Amino acid sequence: MFVAAYWWRVKPGKEEQFRAAWRRGTELIRERYGSLGSRLHREQDGRFIGMAEWPDEASWRRAYESKMVYNDPETRTAFVDAIADAADEPLLLMDVTDDLLDRADDKPADSLS
């Protein structure tokens, strides 16, 4: 498994818009490019961190090089509109060596806390 981490700063008041667009975009990337999904985290300073999982680096690279276009202009517009700042490149690129995350309860978190 391969993991790519990204970060974004979101405009004040646009957090829910960002999260909804991120969730929809993640679903579309999974369908179109074969990602395993992603988790969205929020740092104490307010920055959002996305940790996307992929079967392997080659799968991620193909999607990344195609700019992960998913042909949903409404979702893309909502996502971009909410962002105040973002990294030009992924924050981290990592191969998973050991995975002890409990995936038995795979329900998405609904709160920002």
PDB file of N, CA and C in Angstrom:
ATOM      1  N   MET A   1       0.840  -1.172   0.000  1.00  0.00           N
ATOM      2  CA  MET A   1       0.000   0.000   0.000  1.00  0.00           C
ATOM      3  C   MET A   1       0.892   1.243   0.000  1.00  0.00           C
ATOM      4  N   PHE A   2       0.373   2.298  -0.626  1.00  0.00           N
ATOM      5  CA  PHE A   2       1.096   3.560  -0.764  1.00  0.00           C
ATOM      6  C   PHE A   2       0.208   4.683  -0.242  1.00  0.00           C
ATOM      7  N   VAL A   3       0.809   5.664   0.425  1.00  0.00           N
ATOM      8  CA  VAL A   3       0.064   6.779   1.004  1.00  0.00           C
ATOM      9  C   VAL A   3       0.648   8.102   0.516  1.00  0.00           C
ATOM     10  N   ALA A   4      -0.248   9.005   0.131  1.00  0.00           N
ATOM     11  CA  ALA A   4       0.138  10.366  -0.234  1.00  0.00           C
ATOM     12  C   ALA A   4      -0.605  11.319   0.693  1.00  0.00           C
ATOM     13  N   ALA A   5       0.125  12.262   1.278  1.00  0.00           N
ATOM     14  CA  ALA A   5      -0.474  13.239   2.193  1.00  0.00           C
ATOM     15  C   ALA A   5      -0.460  14.617   1.557  1.00  0.00           C
ATOM     16  N   TYR A   6      -1.564  15.335   1.709  1.00  0.00           N
ATOM     17  CA  TYR A   6      -1.727  16.681   1.155  1.00  0.00           C
ATOM     18  C   TYR A   6      -2.211  17.613   2.266  1.00  0.00           C
ATOM     19  N   TRP A   7      -2.032  18.932   2.085  1.00  0.00           N
ATOM     20  CA  TRP A   7      -2.577  19.869   3.071  1.00  0.00           C
ATOM     21  C   TRP A   7      -3.228  21.062   2.387  1.00  0.00           C
ATOM     22  N   TRP A   8      -4.197  21.625   3.116  1.00  0.00           N
ATOM     23  CA  TRP A   8      -4.919  22.806   2.637  1.00  0.00           C
ATOM     24  C   TRP A   8      -5.259  23.704   3.822  1.00  0.00           C
ATOM     25  N   ARG A   9      -5.212  25.002   3.602  1.00  0.00           N
ATOM     26  CA  ARG A   9      -5.803  25.968   4.525  1.00  0.00           C
ATOM     27  C   ARG A   9      -7.102  26.419   3.877  1.00  0.00           C
ATOM     28  N   VAL A  10      -8.163  26.436   4.665  1.00  0.00           N
ATOM     29  CA  VAL A  10      -9.488  26.717   4.148  1.00  0.00           C
ATOM     30  C   VAL A  10      -9.936  28.112   4.600  1.00  0.00           C
ATOM     31  N   LYS A  11     -10.620  28.792   3.714  1.00  0.00           N
ATOM     32  CA  LYS A  11     -11.138  30.121   4.036  1.00  0.00           C
ATOM     33  C   LYS A  11     -12.109  30.029   5.210  1.00  0.00           C
ATOM     34  N   PRO A  12     -12.052  30.994   6.125  1.00  0.00           N
ATOM     35  CA  PRO A  12     -12.983  30.982   7.262  1.00  0.00           C
ATOM     36  C   PRO A  12     -14.432  30.908   6.791  1.00  0.00           C
ATOM     37  N   GLY A  13     -15.195  30.055   7.436  1.00  0.00           N
ATOM     38  CA  GLY A  13     -16.601  29.878   7.100  1.00  0.00           C
ATOM     39  C   GLY A  13     -16.858  28.910   5.960  1.00  0.00           C
ATOM     40  N   LYS A  14     -15.810  28.391   5.324  1.00  0.00           N
ATOM     41  CA  LYS A  14     -15.982  27.483   4.181  1.00  0.00           C
ATOM     42  C   LYS A  14     -15.570  26.045   4.526  1.00  0.00           C
ATOM     43  N   GLU A  15     -15.423  25.749   5.815  1.00  0.00           N
ATOM     44  CA  GLU A  15     -14.965  24.420   6.225  1.00  0.00           C
ATOM     45  C   GLU A  15     -15.922  23.312   5.795  1.00  0.00           C
ATOM     46  N   GLU A  16     -17.215  23.513   5.991  1.00  0.00           N
ATOM     47  CA  GLU A  16     -18.180  22.469   5.614  1.00  0.00           C
ATOM     48  C   GLU A  16     -18.242  22.292   4.096  1.00  0.00           C
ATOM     49  N   GLN A  17     -18.156  23.402   3.367  1.00  0.00           N
ATOM     50  CA  GLN A  17     -18.127  23.338   1.901  1.00  0.00           C
ATOM     51  C   GLN A  17     -16.904  22.542   1.447  1.00  0.00           C
ATOM     52  N   PHE A  18     -15.753  22.821   2.053  1.00  0.00           N
ATOM     53  CA  PHE A  18     -14.520  22.122   1.716  1.00  0.00           C
ATOM     54  C   PHE A  18     -14.661  20.627   2.001  1.00  0.00           C
ATOM     55  N   ARG A  19     -15.156  20.298   3.204  1.00  0.00           N
ATOM     56  CA  ARG A  19     -15.260  18.895   3.592  1.00  0.00           C
ATOM     57  C   ARG A  19     -16.207  18.128   2.665  1.00  0.00           C
ATOM     58  N   ALA A  20     -17.330  18.742   2.313  1.00  0.00           N
ATOM     59  CA  ALA A  20     -18.279  18.073   1.416  1.00  0.00           C
ATOM     60  C   ALA A  20     -17.654  17.848   0.038  1.00  0.00           C
ATOM     61  N   ALA A  21     -16.964  18.863  -0.487  1.00  0.00           N
ATOM     62  CA  ALA A  21     -16.314  18.735  -1.799  1.00  0.00           C
ATOM     63  C   ALA A  21     -15.170  17.725  -1.734  1.00  0.00           C
ATOM     64  N   TRP A  22     -14.426  17.724  -0.628  1.00  0.00           N
ATOM     65  CA  TRP A  22     -13.333  16.755  -0.459  1.00  0.00           C
ATOM     66  C   TRP A  22     -13.894  15.329  -0.459  1.00  0.00           C
ATOM     67  N   ARG A  23     -14.990  15.111   0.277  1.00  0.00           N
ATOM     68  CA  ARG A  23     -15.589  13.769   0.328  1.00  0.00           C
ATOM     69  C   ARG A  23     -16.048  13.321  -1.062  1.00  0.00           C
ATOM     70  N   ARG A  24     -16.755  14.202  -1.767  1.00  0.00           N
ATOM     71  CA  ARG A  24     -17.239  13.842  -3.105  1.00  0.00           C
ATOM     72  C   ARG A  24     -16.078  13.621  -4.073  1.00  0.00           C
ATOM     73  N   GLY A  25     -15.083  14.498  -4.034  1.00  0.00           N
ATOM     74  CA  GLY A  25     -13.912  14.341  -4.891  1.00  0.00           C
ATOM     75  C   GLY A  25     -13.175  13.042  -4.610  1.00  0.00           C
ATOM     76  N   THR A  26     -13.065  12.682  -3.335  1.00  0.00           N
ATOM     77  CA  THR A  26     -12.404  11.429  -2.959  1.00  0.00           C
ATOM     78  C   THR A  26     -13.166  10.230  -3.521  1.00  0.00           C
ATOM     79  N   GLU A  27     -14.500  10.266  -3.447  1.00  0.00           N
ATOM     80  CA  GLU A  27     -15.301   9.180  -4.019  1.00  0.00           C
ATOM     81  C   GLU A  27     -15.066   9.062  -5.527  1.00  0.00           C
ATOM     82  N   LEU A  28     -15.029  10.202  -6.198  1.00  0.00           N
ATOM     83  CA  LEU A  28     -14.832  10.191  -7.652  1.00  0.00           C
ATOM     84  C   LEU A  28     -13.430   9.716  -8.031  1.00  0.00           C
ATOM     85  N   ILE A  29     -12.431  10.101  -7.266  1.00  0.00           N
ATOM     86  CA  ILE A  29     -11.058   9.639  -7.516  1.00  0.00           C
ATOM     87  C   ILE A  29     -10.968   8.133  -7.293  1.00  0.00           C
ATOM     88  N   ARG A  30     -11.644   7.645  -6.276  1.00  0.00           N
ATOM     89  CA  ARG A  30     -11.660   6.199  -6.027  1.00  0.00           C
ATOM     90  C   ARG A  30     -12.268   5.476  -7.230  1.00  0.00           C
ATOM     91  N   GLU A  31     -13.411   5.979  -7.721  1.00  0.00           N
ATOM     92  CA  GLU A  31     -14.087   5.339  -8.855  1.00  0.00           C
ATOM     93  C   GLU A  31     -13.261   5.404 -10.136  1.00  0.00           C
ATOM     94  N   ARG A  32     -12.674   6.553 -10.407  1.00  0.00           N
ATOM     95  CA  ARG A  32     -11.996   6.746 -11.696  1.00  0.00           C
ATOM     96  C   ARG A  32     -10.560   6.223 -11.709  1.00  0.00           C
ATOM     97  N   TYR A  33      -9.851   6.367 -10.594  1.00  0.00           N
ATOM     98  CA  TYR A  33      -8.415   6.062 -10.591  1.00  0.00           C
ATOM     99  C   TYR A  33      -8.021   4.870  -9.722  1.00  0.00           C
ATOM    100  N   GLY A  34      -8.946   4.324  -8.958  1.00  0.00           N
ATOM    101  CA  GLY A  34      -8.632   3.137  -8.176  1.00  0.00           C
ATOM    102  C   GLY A  34      -7.962   3.387  -6.845  1.00  0.00           C
ATOM    103  N   SER A  35      -8.120   4.585  -6.279  1.00  0.00           N
ATOM    104  CA  SER A  35      -7.560   4.813  -4.938  1.00  0.00           C
ATOM    105  C   SER A  35      -8.316   3.945  -3.938  1.00  0.00           C
ATOM    106  N   LEU A  36      -7.745   3.773  -2.778  1.00  0.00           N
ATOM    107  CA  LEU A  36      -8.395   3.006  -1.719  1.00  0.00           C
ATOM    108  C   LEU A  36      -9.200   3.914  -0.793  1.00  0.00           C
ATOM    109  N   GLY A  37      -9.222   5.198  -1.113  1.00  0.00           N
ATOM    110  CA  GLY A  37      -9.923   6.161  -0.274  1.00  0.00           C
ATOM    111  C   GLY A  37      -8.944   7.060   0.452  1.00  0.00           C
ATOM    112  N   SER A  38      -9.461   7.849   1.374  1.00  0.00           N
ATOM    113  CA  SER A  38      -8.634   8.822   2.061  1.00  0.00           C
ATOM    114  C   SER A  38      -9.249   9.166   3.410  1.00  0.00           C
ATOM    115  N   ARG A  39      -8.437   9.726   4.261  1.00  0.00           N
ATOM    116  CA  ARG A  39      -8.891  10.263   5.551  1.00  0.00           C
ATOM    117  C   ARG A  39      -8.553  11.737   5.573  1.00  0.00           C
ATOM    118  N   LEU A  40      -9.468  12.527   6.120  1.00  0.00           N
ATOM    119  CA  LEU A  40      -9.214  13.953   6.268  1.00  0.00           C
ATOM    120  C   LEU A  40      -9.034  14.246   7.746  1.00  0.00           C
ATOM    121  N   HIS A  41      -7.972  14.958   8.062  1.00  0.00           N
ATOM    122  CA  HIS A  41      -7.637  15.313   9.441  1.00  0.00           C
ATOM    123  C   HIS A  41      -7.583  16.840   9.544  1.00  0.00           C
ATOM    124  N   ARG A  42      -7.698  17.332  10.762  1.00  0.00           N
ATOM    125  CA  ARG A  42      -7.550  18.766  10.980  1.00  0.00           C
ATOM    126  C   ARG A  42      -6.521  18.990  12.080  1.00  0.00           C
ATOM    127  N   GLU A  43      -5.481  19.724  11.734  1.00  0.00           N
ATOM    128  CA  GLU A  43      -4.437  20.058  12.703  1.00  0.00           C
ATOM    129  C   GLU A  43      -4.956  21.097  13.689  1.00  0.00           C
ATOM    130  N   GLN A  44      -4.243  21.248  14.792  1.00  0.00           N
ATOM    131  CA  GLN A  44      -4.639  22.223  15.801  1.00  0.00           C
ATOM    132  C   GLN A  44      -4.612  23.641  15.263  1.00  0.00           C
ATOM    133  N   ASP A  45      -3.775  23.915  14.277  1.00  0.00           N
ATOM    134  CA  ASP A  45      -3.711  25.268  13.710  1.00  0.00           C
ATOM    135  C   ASP A  45      -4.798  25.493  12.652  1.00  0.00           C
ATOM    136  N   GLY A  46      -5.654  24.492  12.413  1.00  0.00           N
ATOM    137  CA  GLY A  46      -6.756  24.627  11.477  1.00  0.00           C
ATOM    138  C   GLY A  46      -6.504  24.067  10.088  1.00  0.00           C
ATOM    139  N   ARG A  47      -5.253  23.748   9.787  1.00  0.00           N
ATOM    140  CA  ARG A  47      -4.928  23.210   8.468  1.00  0.00           C
ATOM    141  C   ARG A  47      -5.505  21.800   8.330  1.00  0.00           C
ATOM    142  N   PHE A  48      -6.077  21.503   7.160  1.00  0.00           N
ATOM    143  CA  PHE A  48      -6.585  20.162   6.870  1.00  0.00           C
ATOM    144  C   PHE A  48      -5.485  19.337   6.222  1.00  0.00           C
ATOM    145  N   ILE A  49      -5.393  18.081   6.614  1.00  0.00           N
ATOM    146  CA  ILE A  49      -4.423  17.135   6.060  1.00  0.00           C
ATOM    147  C   ILE A  49      -5.197  15.940   5.519  1.00  0.00           C
ATOM    148  N   GLY A  50      -4.986  15.620   4.258  1.00  0.00           N
ATOM    149  CA  GLY A  50      -5.605  14.440   3.657  1.00  0.00           C
ATOM    150  C   GLY A  50      -4.573  13.352   3.480  1.00  0.00           C
ATOM    151  N   MET A  51      -4.910  12.145   3.910  1.00  0.00           N
ATOM    152  CA  MET A  51      -4.035  10.982   3.774  1.00  0.00           C
ATOM    153  C   MET A  51      -4.728   9.994   2.839  1.00  0.00           C
ATOM    154  N   ALA A  52      -4.297   9.969   1.585  1.00  0.00           N
ATOM    155  CA  ALA A  52      -4.911   9.113   0.570  1.00  0.00           C
ATOM    156  C   ALA A  52      -4.144   7.804   0.449  1.00  0.00           C
ATOM    157  N   GLU A  53      -4.871   6.700   0.435  1.00  0.00           N
ATOM    158  CA  GLU A  53      -4.250   5.387   0.306  1.00  0.00           C
ATOM    159  C   GLU A  53      -4.468   4.857  -1.105  1.00  0.00           C
ATOM    160  N   TRP A  54      -3.428   4.210  -1.606  1.00  0.00           N
ATOM    161  CA  TRP A  54      -3.419   3.656  -2.964  1.00  0.00           C
ATOM    162  C   TRP A  54      -2.881   2.233  -2.914  1.00  0.00           C
ATOM    163  N   PRO A  55      -3.259   1.405  -3.883  1.00  0.00           N
ATOM    164  CA  PRO A  55      -2.725   0.040  -3.902  1.00  0.00           C
ATOM    165  C   PRO A  55      -1.196   0.020  -4.005  1.00  0.00           C
ATOM    166  N   ASP A  56      -0.647   0.981  -4.778  1.00  0.00           N
ATOM    167  CA  ASP A  56       0.799   1.045  -4.977  1.00  0.00           C
ATOM    168  C   ASP A  56       1.169   2.424  -5.519  1.00  0.00           C
ATOM    169  N   GLU A  57       2.449   2.714  -5.556  1.00  0.00           N
ATOM    170  CA  GLU A  57       2.900   4.025  -6.024  1.00  0.00           C
ATOM    171  C   GLU A  57       2.569   4.250  -7.504  1.00  0.00           C
ATOM    172  N   ALA A  58       2.661   3.212  -8.308  1.00  0.00           N
ATOM    173  CA  ALA A  58       2.386   3.368  -9.737  1.00  0.00           C
ATOM    174  C   ALA A  58       0.946   3.823  -9.977  1.00  0.00           C
ATOM    175  N   SER A  59      -0.010   3.290  -9.213  1.00  0.00           N
ATOM    176  CA  SER A  59      -1.412   3.709  -9.339  1.00  0.00           C
ATOM    177  C   SER A  59      -1.566   5.180  -8.970  1.00  0.00           C
ATOM    178  N   TRP A  60      -0.945   5.585  -7.857  1.00  0.00           N
ATOM    179  CA  TRP A  60      -1.000   6.987  -7.448  1.00  0.00           C
ATOM    180  C   TRP A  60      -0.358   7.881  -8.506  1.00  0.00           C
ATOM    181  N   ARG A  61       0.803   7.479  -9.011  1.00  0.00           N
ATOM    182  CA  ARG A  61       1.536   8.309  -9.982  1.00  0.00           C
ATOM    183  C   ARG A  61       0.711   8.533 -11.253  1.00  0.00           C
ATOM    184  N   ARG A  62       0.050   7.483 -11.748  1.00  0.00           N
ATOM    185  CA  ARG A  62      -0.796   7.643 -12.943  1.00  0.00           C
ATOM    186  C   ARG A  62      -1.904   8.668 -12.676  1.00  0.00           C
ATOM    187  N   ALA A  63      -2.538   8.575 -11.526  1.00  0.00           N
ATOM    188  CA  ALA A  63      -3.609   9.520 -11.181  1.00  0.00           C
ATOM    189  C   ALA A  63      -3.049  10.926 -10.980  1.00  0.00           C
ATOM    190  N   TYR A  64      -1.921  11.036 -10.302  1.00  0.00           N
ATOM    191  CA  TYR A  64      -1.316  12.341 -10.023  1.00  0.00           C
ATOM    192  C   TYR A  64      -0.901  13.037 -11.322  1.00  0.00           C
ATOM    193  N   GLU A  65      -0.292  12.288 -12.218  1.00  0.00           N
ATOM    194  CA  GLU A  65       0.157  12.869 -13.485  1.00  0.00           C
ATOM    195  C   GLU A  65      -1.008  13.293 -14.371  1.00  0.00           C
ATOM    196  N   SER A  66      -2.168  12.689 -14.173  1.00  0.00           N
ATOM    197  CA  SER A  66      -3.350  13.114 -14.935  1.00  0.00           C
ATOM    198  C   SER A  66      -4.123  14.196 -14.177  1.00  0.00           C
ATOM    199  N   LYS A  67      -3.551  14.684 -13.080  1.00  0.00           N
ATOM    200  CA  LYS A  67      -4.122  15.746 -12.243  1.00  0.00           C
ATOM    201  C   LYS A  67      -5.429  15.333 -11.579  1.00  0.00           C
ATOM    202  N   MET A  68      -5.686  14.030 -11.514  1.00  0.00           N
ATOM    203  CA  MET A  68      -6.860  13.454 -10.855  1.00  0.00           C
ATOM    204  C   MET A  68      -8.153  14.151 -11.263  1.00  0.00           C
ATOM    205  N   VAL A  69      -8.255  14.467 -12.540  1.00  0.00           N
ATOM    206  CA  VAL A  69      -9.464  15.086 -13.077  1.00  0.00           C
ATOM    207  C   VAL A  69     -10.613  14.091 -12.939  1.00  0.00           C
ATOM    208  N   TYR A  70     -11.737  14.542 -12.419  1.00  0.00           N
ATOM    209  CA  TYR A  70     -12.856  13.618 -12.247  1.00  0.00           C
ATOM    210  C   TYR A  70     -14.162  14.119 -12.870  1.00  0.00           C
ATOM    211  N   ASN A  71     -14.091  15.109 -13.719  1.00  0.00           N
ATOM    212  CA  ASN A  71     -15.227  15.551 -14.536  1.00  0.00           C
ATOM    213  C   ASN A  71     -16.499  15.826 -13.739  1.00  0.00           C
ATOM    214  N   ASP A  72     -16.361  16.543 -12.654  1.00  0.00           N
ATOM    215  CA  ASP A  72     -17.509  17.018 -11.878  1.00  0.00           C
ATOM    216  C   ASP A  72     -17.229  18.480 -11.546  1.00  0.00           C
ATOM    217  N   PRO A  73     -17.556  19.390 -12.475  1.00  0.00           N
ATOM    218  CA  PRO A  73     -17.202  20.801 -12.298  1.00  0.00           C
ATOM    219  C   PRO A  73     -17.766  21.423 -11.021  1.00  0.00           C
ATOM    220  N   GLU A  74     -18.955  21.025 -10.602  1.00  0.00           N
ATOM    221  CA  GLU A  74     -19.552  21.598  -9.393  1.00  0.00           C
ATOM    222  C   GLU A  74     -18.718  21.258  -8.153  1.00  0.00           C
ATOM    223  N   THR A  75     -18.309  19.996  -8.038  1.00  0.00           N
ATOM    224  CA  THR A  75     -17.485  19.582  -6.905  1.00  0.00           C
ATOM    225  C   THR A  75     -16.133  20.279  -6.946  1.00  0.00           C
ATOM    226  N   ARG A  76     -15.517  20.320  -8.112  1.00  0.00           N
ATOM    227  CA  ARG A  76     -14.200  20.959  -8.242  1.00  0.00           C
ATOM    228  C   ARG A  76     -14.270  22.449  -7.900  1.00  0.00           C
ATOM    229  N   THR A  77     -15.307  23.138  -8.377  1.00  0.00           N
ATOM    230  CA  THR A  77     -15.463  24.561  -8.095  1.00  0.00           C
ATOM    231  C   THR A  77     -15.646  24.804  -6.596  1.00  0.00           C
ATOM    232  N   ALA A  78     -16.470  23.997  -5.939  1.00  0.00           N
ATOM    233  CA  ALA A  78     -16.690  24.146  -4.494  1.00  0.00           C
ATOM    234  C   ALA A  78     -15.398  23.902  -3.720  1.00  0.00           C
ATOM    235  N   PHE A  79     -14.622  22.919  -4.144  1.00  0.00           N
ATOM    236  CA  PHE A  79     -13.359  22.594  -3.482  1.00  0.00           C
ATOM    237  C   PHE A  79     -12.378  23.764  -3.614  1.00  0.00           C
ATOM    238  N   VAL A  80     -12.153  24.216  -4.826  1.00  0.00           N
ATOM    239  CA  VAL A  80     -11.192  25.296  -5.084  1.00  0.00           C
ATOM    240  C   VAL A  80     -11.641  26.591  -4.419  1.00  0.00           C
ATOM    241  N   ASP A  81     -12.934  26.891  -4.454  1.00  0.00           N
ATOM    242  CA  ASP A  81     -13.463  28.112  -3.851  1.00  0.00           C
ATOM    243  C   ASP A  81     -13.215  28.174  -2.345  1.00  0.00           C
ATOM    244  N   ALA A  82     -13.176  27.027  -1.686  1.00  0.00           N
ATOM    245  CA  ALA A  82     -13.001  26.985  -0.233  1.00  0.00           C
ATOM    246  C   ALA A  82     -11.549  27.115   0.206  1.00  0.00           C
ATOM    247  N   ILE A  83     -10.604  26.911  -0.688  1.00  0.00           N
ATOM    248  CA  ILE A  83      -9.180  26.858  -0.328  1.00  0.00           C
ATOM    249  C   ILE A  83      -8.552  28.249  -0.306  1.00  0.00           C
ATOM    250  N   ALA A  84      -7.871  28.540   0.803  1.00  0.00           N
ATOM    251  CA  ALA A  84      -7.110  29.781   0.925  1.00  0.00           C
ATOM    252  C   ALA A  84      -5.656  29.559   0.531  1.00  0.00           C
ATOM    253  N   ASP A  85      -5.118  28.363   0.822  1.00  0.00           N
ATOM    254  CA  ASP A  85      -3.714  28.049   0.546  1.00  0.00           C
ATOM    255  C   ASP A  85      -3.570  26.536   0.501  1.00  0.00           C
ATOM    256  N   ALA A  86      -2.636  26.060  -0.314  1.00  0.00           N
ATOM    257  CA  ALA A  86      -2.391  24.620  -0.424  1.00  0.00           C
ATOM    258  C   ALA A  86      -0.965  24.397  -0.896  1.00  0.00           C
ATOM    259  N   ALA A  87      -0.455  23.206  -0.619  1.00  0.00           N
ATOM    260  CA  ALA A  87       0.878  22.843  -1.076  1.00  0.00           C
ATOM    261  C   ALA A  87       0.861  22.596  -2.577  1.00  0.00           C
ATOM    262  N   ASP A  88       1.961  22.932  -3.238  1.00  0.00           N
ATOM    263  CA  ASP A  88       2.091  22.657  -4.671  1.00  0.00           C
ATOM    264  C   ASP A  88       2.336  21.177  -4.942  1.00  0.00           C
ATOM    265  N   GLU A  89       2.944  20.508  -4.007  1.00  0.00           N
ATOM    266  CA  GLU A  89       3.289  19.089  -4.118  1.00  0.00           C
ATOM    267  C   GLU A  89       2.759  18.362  -2.885  1.00  0.00           C
ATOM    268  N   PRO A  90       2.618  17.038  -2.956  1.00  0.00           N
ATOM    269  CA  PRO A  90       2.197  16.294  -1.769  1.00  0.00           C
ATOM    270  C   PRO A  90       3.141  16.557  -0.593  1.00  0.00           C
ATOM    271  N   LEU A  91       2.574  16.582   0.602  1.00  0.00           N
ATOM    272  CA  LEU A  91       3.345  16.784   1.820  1.00  0.00           C
ATOM    273  C   LEU A  91       4.275  15.601   2.076  1.00  0.00           C
ATOM    274  N   LEU A  92       3.734  14.402   1.921  1.00  0.00           N
ATOM    275  CA  LEU A  92       4.492  13.168   2.139  1.00  0.00           C
ATOM    276  C   LEU A  92       4.072  12.128   1.107  1.00  0.00           C
ATOM    277  N   LEU A  93       5.014  11.293   0.710  1.00  0.00           N
ATOM    278  CA  LEU A  93       4.756  10.118  -0.114  1.00  0.00           C
ATOM    279  C   LEU A  93       5.398   8.948   0.599  1.00  0.00           C
ATOM    280  N   MET A  94       4.621   7.907   0.932  1.00  0.00           N
ATOM    281  CA  MET A  94       5.138   6.849   1.795  1.00  0.00           C
ATOM    282  C   MET A  94       4.631   5.475   1.385  1.00  0.00           C
ATOM    283  N   ASP A  95       5.492   4.478   1.490  1.00  0.00           N
ATOM    284  CA  ASP A  95       5.076   3.091   1.388  1.00  0.00           C
ATOM    285  C   ASP A  95       4.704   2.624   2.790  1.00  0.00           C
ATOM    286  N   VAL A  96       3.596   1.919   2.909  1.00  0.00           N
ATOM    287  CA  VAL A  96       3.187   1.373   4.204  1.00  0.00           C
ATOM    288  C   VAL A  96       3.992   0.107   4.452  1.00  0.00           C
ATOM    289  N   THR A  97       4.636   0.026   5.606  1.00  0.00           N
ATOM    290  CA  THR A  97       5.396  -1.177   5.955  1.00  0.00           C
ATOM    291  C   THR A  97       4.653  -2.048   6.955  1.00  0.00           C
ATOM    292  N   ASP A  98       3.892  -1.442   7.857  1.00  0.00           N
ATOM    293  CA  ASP A  98       3.112  -2.162   8.861  1.00  0.00           C
ATOM    294  C   ASP A  98       1.817  -1.390   9.071  1.00  0.00           C
ATOM    295  N   ASP A  99       0.691  -2.073   9.097  1.00  0.00           N
ATOM    296  CA  ASP A  99      -0.604  -1.410   9.223  1.00  0.00           C
ATOM    297  C   ASP A  99      -1.390  -2.054  10.356  1.00  0.00           C
ATOM    298  N   LEU A 100      -1.543  -1.322  11.446  1.00  0.00           N
ATOM    299  CA  LEU A 100      -2.291  -1.825  12.592  1.00  0.00           C
ATOM    300  C   LEU A 100      -3.560  -1.015  12.852  1.00  0.00           C
ATOM    301  N   LEU A 101      -4.015  -0.253  11.859  1.00  0.00           N
ATOM    302  CA  LEU A 101      -5.261   0.492  12.017  1.00  0.00           C
ATOM    303  C   LEU A 101      -6.433  -0.477  12.070  1.00  0.00           C
ATOM    304  N   ASP A 102      -7.337  -0.245  12.977  1.00  0.00           N
ATOM    305  CA  ASP A 102      -8.544  -1.049  13.082  1.00  0.00           C
ATOM    306  C   ASP A 102      -9.544  -0.553  12.059  1.00  0.00           C
ATOM    307  N   ARG A 103      -9.861  -1.361  11.081  1.00  0.00           N
ATOM    308  CA  ARG A 103     -10.784  -0.978  10.020  1.00  0.00           C
ATOM    309  C   ARG A 103     -12.150  -1.633  10.201  1.00  0.00           C
ATOM    310  N   ALA A 104     -12.393  -2.225  11.350  1.00  0.00           N
ATOM    311  CA  ALA A 104     -13.670  -2.902  11.592  1.00  0.00           C
ATOM    312  C   ALA A 104     -14.833  -1.923  11.580  1.00  0.00           C
ATOM    313  N   ASP A 105     -14.628  -0.742  12.111  1.00  0.00           N
ATOM    314  CA  ASP A 105     -15.666   0.284  12.144  1.00  0.00           C
ATOM    315  C   ASP A 105     -15.259   1.359  11.157  1.00  0.00           C
ATOM    316  N   ASP A 106     -15.632   1.187   9.915  1.00  0.00           N
ATOM    317  CA  ASP A 106     -15.152   2.048   8.819  1.00  0.00           C
ATOM    318  C   ASP A 106     -16.132   3.186   8.522  1.00  0.00           C
ATOM    319  N   LYS A 107     -16.777   3.709   9.576  1.00  0.00           N
ATOM    320  CA  LYS A 107     -17.726   4.805   9.386  1.00  0.00           C
ATOM    321  C   LYS A 107     -16.975   6.131   9.357  1.00  0.00           C
ATOM    322  N   PRO A 108     -17.331   7.047   8.449  1.00  0.00           N
ATOM    323  CA  PRO A 108     -16.658   8.345   8.420  1.00  0.00           C
ATOM    324  C   PRO A 108     -17.022   9.188   9.638  1.00  0.00           C
ATOM    325  N   ALA A 109     -16.045   9.947  10.111  1.00  0.00           N
ATOM    326  CA  ALA A 109     -16.286  10.854  11.234  1.00  0.00           C
ATOM    327  C   ALA A 109     -17.111  12.020  10.745  1.00  0.00           C
ATOM    328  N   ASP A 110     -18.123  12.403  11.525  1.00  0.00           N
ATOM    329  CA  ASP A 110     -18.972  13.525  11.144  1.00  0.00           C
ATOM    330  C   ASP A 110     -18.591  14.829  11.813  1.00  0.00           C
ATOM    331  N   SER A 111     -17.720  14.774  12.812  1.00  0.00           N
ATOM    332  CA  SER A 111     -17.396  16.012  13.523  1.00  0.00           C
ATOM    333  C   SER A 111     -15.993  16.476  13.189  1.00  0.00           C
ATOM    334  N   LEU A 112     -15.731  17.730  13.432  1.00  0.00           N
ATOM    335  CA  LEU A 112     -14.400  18.292  13.212  1.00  0.00           C
ATOM    336  C   LEU A 112     -13.522  18.131  14.444  1.00  0.00           C
ATOM    337  N   SER A 113     -14.050  17.645  15.531  1.00  0.00           N
ATOM    338  CA  SER A 113     -13.257  17.547  16.763  1.00  0.00           C
ATOM    339  C   SER A 113     -12.350  16.346  16.763  1.00  0.00           C
TER     340      SER A 113
END
